[in-house]
Amino acid sequence: MALYFNIALILVAVALVAVIVLQSRGAGLGGLGGGDYGGTGYHVRRGLERVLFNVTIGLSVAFFILAMLSAVIAG
């Protein structure tokens, strides 16, 4: 049973990394570290950007739950 949780945890982690990388705007290394804001002010997420944001939240919650379940089962 613990093996299945570990495999699911790895898959969710890889998906989470992929979604986070897709959200980067390609503004260079400063944009990845948060240094390049661009001075655009408030930004509303629309379309695919909103979907990626919501998927990121869902995957992070799933990762947290799987990590807790894996720790409880292994412990």
N, C-alpha and C. Protein backbone atom coordinates (compact mmCIF):
# COMPACT_ATOMS: atom_id res chain seq x y z
N MET A 1 0.82 -1.19 0.00
CA MET A 1 0.00 0.00 0.00
C MET A 1 0.87 1.26 0.00
N ALA A 2 1.95 1.24 0.76
CA ALA A 2 2.84 2.39 0.81
C ALA A 2 3.50 2.63 -0.54
N LEU A 3 3.72 1.56 -1.30
CA LEU A 3 4.32 1.71 -2.62
C LEU A 3 3.42 2.53 -3.54
N TYR A 4 2.11 2.29 -3.48
CA TYR A 4 1.18 3.03 -4.32
C TYR A 4 1.15 4.51 -3.96
N PHE A 5 1.21 4.81 -2.67
CA PHE A 5 1.23 6.20 -2.25
C PHE A 5 2.53 6.88 -2.70
N ASN A 6 3.63 6.17 -2.64
CA ASN A 6 4.91 6.75 -3.07
C ASN A 6 4.93 7.00 -4.58
N ILE A 7 4.38 6.08 -5.34
CA ILE A 7 4.31 6.27 -6.79
C ILE A 7 3.41 7.45 -7.12
N ALA A 8 2.26 7.54 -6.45
CA ALA A 8 1.35 8.66 -6.68
C ALA A 8 2.00 9.98 -6.28
N LEU A 9 2.77 9.97 -5.22
CA LEU A 9 3.45 11.16 -4.75
C LEU A 9 4.49 11.63 -5.78
N ILE A 10 5.21 10.71 -6.36
CA ILE A 10 6.19 11.05 -7.39
C ILE A 10 5.51 11.62 -8.63
N LEU A 11 4.41 11.00 -9.05
CA LEU A 11 3.69 11.49 -10.23
C LEU A 11 3.11 12.88 -10.01
N VAL A 12 2.54 13.12 -8.82
CA VAL A 12 1.99 14.44 -8.53
C VAL A 12 3.11 15.47 -8.45
N ALA A 13 4.26 15.10 -7.90
CA ALA A 13 5.38 16.04 -7.81
C ALA A 13 5.90 16.43 -9.20
N VAL A 14 6.00 15.47 -10.09
CA VAL A 14 6.46 15.76 -11.45
C VAL A 14 5.44 16.65 -12.17
N ALA A 15 4.15 16.36 -12.00
CA ALA A 15 3.11 17.18 -12.62
C ALA A 15 3.12 18.60 -12.05
N LEU A 16 3.35 18.73 -10.75
CA LEU A 16 3.40 20.04 -10.12
C LEU A 16 4.57 20.86 -10.64
N VAL A 17 5.72 20.23 -10.80
CA VAL A 17 6.88 20.94 -11.35
C VAL A 17 6.60 21.38 -12.78
N ALA A 18 5.98 20.51 -13.56
CA ALA A 18 5.68 20.84 -14.96
C ALA A 18 4.71 22.02 -15.06
N VAL A 19 3.69 22.04 -14.21
CA VAL A 19 2.72 23.13 -14.25
C VAL A 19 3.36 24.44 -13.80
N ILE A 20 4.22 24.38 -12.81
CA ILE A 20 4.89 25.60 -12.34
C ILE A 20 5.82 26.15 -13.42
N VAL A 21 6.51 25.27 -14.11
CA VAL A 21 7.40 25.72 -15.19
C VAL A 21 6.59 26.33 -16.34
N LEU A 22 5.41 25.77 -16.62
CA LEU A 22 4.57 26.32 -17.67
C LEU A 22 4.07 27.72 -17.34
N GLN A 23 3.99 28.05 -16.06
CA GLN A 23 3.50 29.37 -15.66
C GLN A 23 4.55 30.46 -15.82
N SER A 24 5.82 30.10 -15.90
CA SER A 24 6.85 31.13 -16.06
C SER A 24 6.68 31.79 -17.42
N ARG A 25 6.97 33.04 -17.49
CA ARG A 25 6.70 33.81 -18.70
C ARG A 25 7.87 33.89 -19.66
N GLY A 26 8.98 33.28 -19.30
CA GLY A 26 10.14 33.34 -20.18
C GLY A 26 10.82 34.70 -20.14
N ALA A 27 10.75 35.37 -18.98
CA ALA A 27 11.34 36.70 -18.86
C ALA A 27 12.80 36.63 -18.45
N GLY A 28 13.40 35.47 -18.51
CA GLY A 28 14.79 35.32 -18.12
C GLY A 28 14.90 34.82 -16.69
N LEU A 29 16.13 34.78 -16.21
CA LEU A 29 16.37 34.27 -14.87
C LEU A 29 15.81 35.19 -13.79
N GLY A 30 15.74 36.48 -14.05
CA GLY A 30 15.17 37.40 -13.08
C GLY A 30 13.69 37.15 -12.86
N GLY A 31 13.00 36.77 -13.91
CA GLY A 31 11.57 36.48 -13.79
C GLY A 31 11.30 35.21 -13.02
N LEU A 32 12.19 34.24 -13.13
CA LEU A 32 12.00 33.00 -12.38
C LEU A 32 12.22 33.20 -10.89
N GLY A 33 13.11 34.10 -10.53
CA GLY A 33 13.39 34.35 -9.13
C GLY A 33 12.50 35.42 -8.52
N GLY A 34 11.64 36.02 -9.32
CA GLY A 34 10.77 37.05 -8.82
C GLY A 34 11.36 38.45 -8.90
N GLY A 35 12.51 38.59 -9.52
CA GLY A 35 13.15 39.89 -9.59
C GLY A 35 12.60 40.80 -10.66
N ASP A 36 12.05 40.24 -11.73
CA ASP A 36 11.56 41.04 -12.83
C ASP A 36 10.04 41.12 -12.75
N TYR A 37 9.54 42.21 -12.23
CA TYR A 37 8.10 42.37 -12.10
C TYR A 37 7.53 43.05 -13.34
N GLY A 38 8.27 43.93 -13.92
CA GLY A 38 7.82 44.57 -15.14
C GLY A 38 7.03 45.84 -14.92
N GLY A 39 6.60 46.12 -13.70
CA GLY A 39 5.88 47.33 -13.40
C GLY A 39 4.51 47.42 -14.01
N THR A 40 3.88 46.28 -14.28
CA THR A 40 2.58 46.29 -14.93
C THR A 40 1.43 46.50 -13.96
N GLY A 41 1.66 46.46 -12.66
CA GLY A 41 0.59 46.65 -11.69
C GLY A 41 -0.24 45.39 -11.48
N TYR A 42 -1.50 45.59 -11.19
CA TYR A 42 -2.40 44.46 -10.92
C TYR A 42 -2.63 43.66 -12.18
N HIS A 43 -2.63 42.34 -12.03
CA HIS A 43 -2.76 41.45 -13.19
C HIS A 43 -3.90 40.47 -12.95
N VAL A 44 -4.85 40.41 -13.85
CA VAL A 44 -5.97 39.48 -13.74
C VAL A 44 -5.65 38.25 -14.57
N ARG A 45 -5.81 37.09 -13.95
CA ARG A 45 -5.57 35.83 -14.68
C ARG A 45 -6.79 35.50 -15.53
N ARG A 46 -6.54 35.18 -16.79
CA ARG A 46 -7.63 34.82 -17.69
C ARG A 46 -7.22 33.62 -18.52
N GLY A 47 -8.20 32.85 -18.92
CA GLY A 47 -7.99 31.75 -19.85
C GLY A 47 -7.08 30.67 -19.31
N LEU A 48 -6.08 30.32 -20.09
CA LEU A 48 -5.17 29.24 -19.75
C LEU A 48 -4.37 29.55 -18.49
N GLU A 49 -4.07 30.83 -18.27
CA GLU A 49 -3.32 31.20 -17.08
C GLU A 49 -4.11 30.90 -15.81
N ARG A 50 -5.41 31.14 -15.84
CA ARG A 50 -6.26 30.82 -14.69
C ARG A 50 -6.36 29.32 -14.48
N VAL A 51 -6.46 28.58 -15.57
CA VAL A 51 -6.53 27.11 -15.47
C VAL A 51 -5.25 26.56 -14.86
N LEU A 52 -4.11 27.05 -15.33
CA LEU A 52 -2.83 26.58 -14.77
C LEU A 52 -2.70 26.95 -13.30
N PHE A 53 -3.18 28.12 -12.92
CA PHE A 53 -3.15 28.54 -11.52
C PHE A 53 -4.00 27.62 -10.66
N ASN A 54 -5.20 27.30 -11.12
CA ASN A 54 -6.09 26.41 -10.35
C ASN A 54 -5.56 24.98 -10.30
N VAL A 55 -4.96 24.52 -11.38
CA VAL A 55 -4.36 23.18 -11.40
C VAL A 55 -3.19 23.13 -10.42
N THR A 56 -2.41 24.20 -10.35
CA THR A 56 -1.29 24.26 -9.41
C THR A 56 -1.78 24.15 -7.97
N ILE A 57 -2.86 24.85 -7.66
CA ILE A 57 -3.42 24.77 -6.30
C ILE A 57 -3.90 23.35 -6.01
N GLY A 58 -4.61 22.75 -6.96
CA GLY A 58 -5.11 21.39 -6.76
C GLY A 58 -4.00 20.38 -6.59
N LEU A 59 -2.96 20.49 -7.41
CA LEU A 59 -1.84 19.56 -7.31
C LEU A 59 -1.07 19.75 -6.01
N SER A 60 -0.95 20.98 -5.55
CA SER A 60 -0.24 21.20 -4.29
C SER A 60 -1.02 20.64 -3.10
N VAL A 61 -2.34 20.76 -3.12
CA VAL A 61 -3.16 20.16 -2.06
C VAL A 61 -3.06 18.64 -2.12
N ALA A 62 -3.12 18.07 -3.33
CA ALA A 62 -2.99 16.63 -3.48
C ALA A 62 -1.63 16.14 -3.01
N PHE A 63 -0.58 16.90 -3.31
CA PHE A 63 0.77 16.54 -2.88
C PHE A 63 0.85 16.53 -1.35
N PHE A 64 0.29 17.55 -0.71
CA PHE A 64 0.32 17.63 0.74
C PHE A 64 -0.43 16.46 1.37
N ILE A 65 -1.61 16.14 0.86
CA ILE A 65 -2.40 15.04 1.40
C ILE A 65 -1.69 13.71 1.20
N LEU A 66 -1.13 13.49 0.02
CA LEU A 66 -0.40 12.25 -0.24
C LEU A 66 0.84 12.13 0.65
N ALA A 67 1.52 13.24 0.88
CA ALA A 67 2.71 13.21 1.74
C ALA A 67 2.31 12.85 3.17
N MET A 68 1.21 13.41 3.66
CA MET A 68 0.75 13.09 5.01
C MET A 68 0.31 11.62 5.12
N LEU A 69 -0.43 11.15 4.13
CA LEU A 69 -0.86 9.75 4.14
C LEU A 69 0.32 8.80 4.05
N SER A 70 1.29 9.14 3.24
CA SER A 70 2.48 8.30 3.11
C SER A 70 3.26 8.26 4.42
N ALA A 71 3.34 9.38 5.12
CA ALA A 71 4.05 9.41 6.40
C ALA A 71 3.30 8.62 7.46
N VAL A 72 1.99 8.68 7.46
CA VAL A 72 1.19 7.94 8.44
C VAL A 72 1.30 6.44 8.20
N ILE A 73 1.24 6.03 6.95
CA ILE A 73 1.31 4.60 6.62
C ILE A 73 2.71 4.05 6.91
N ALA A 74 3.73 4.80 6.56
CA ALA A 74 5.09 4.31 6.76
C ALA A 74 5.50 4.36 8.23
N GLY A 75 4.88 5.27 9.00
CA GLY A 75 5.31 5.51 10.37
C GLY A 75 4.87 4.50 11.33
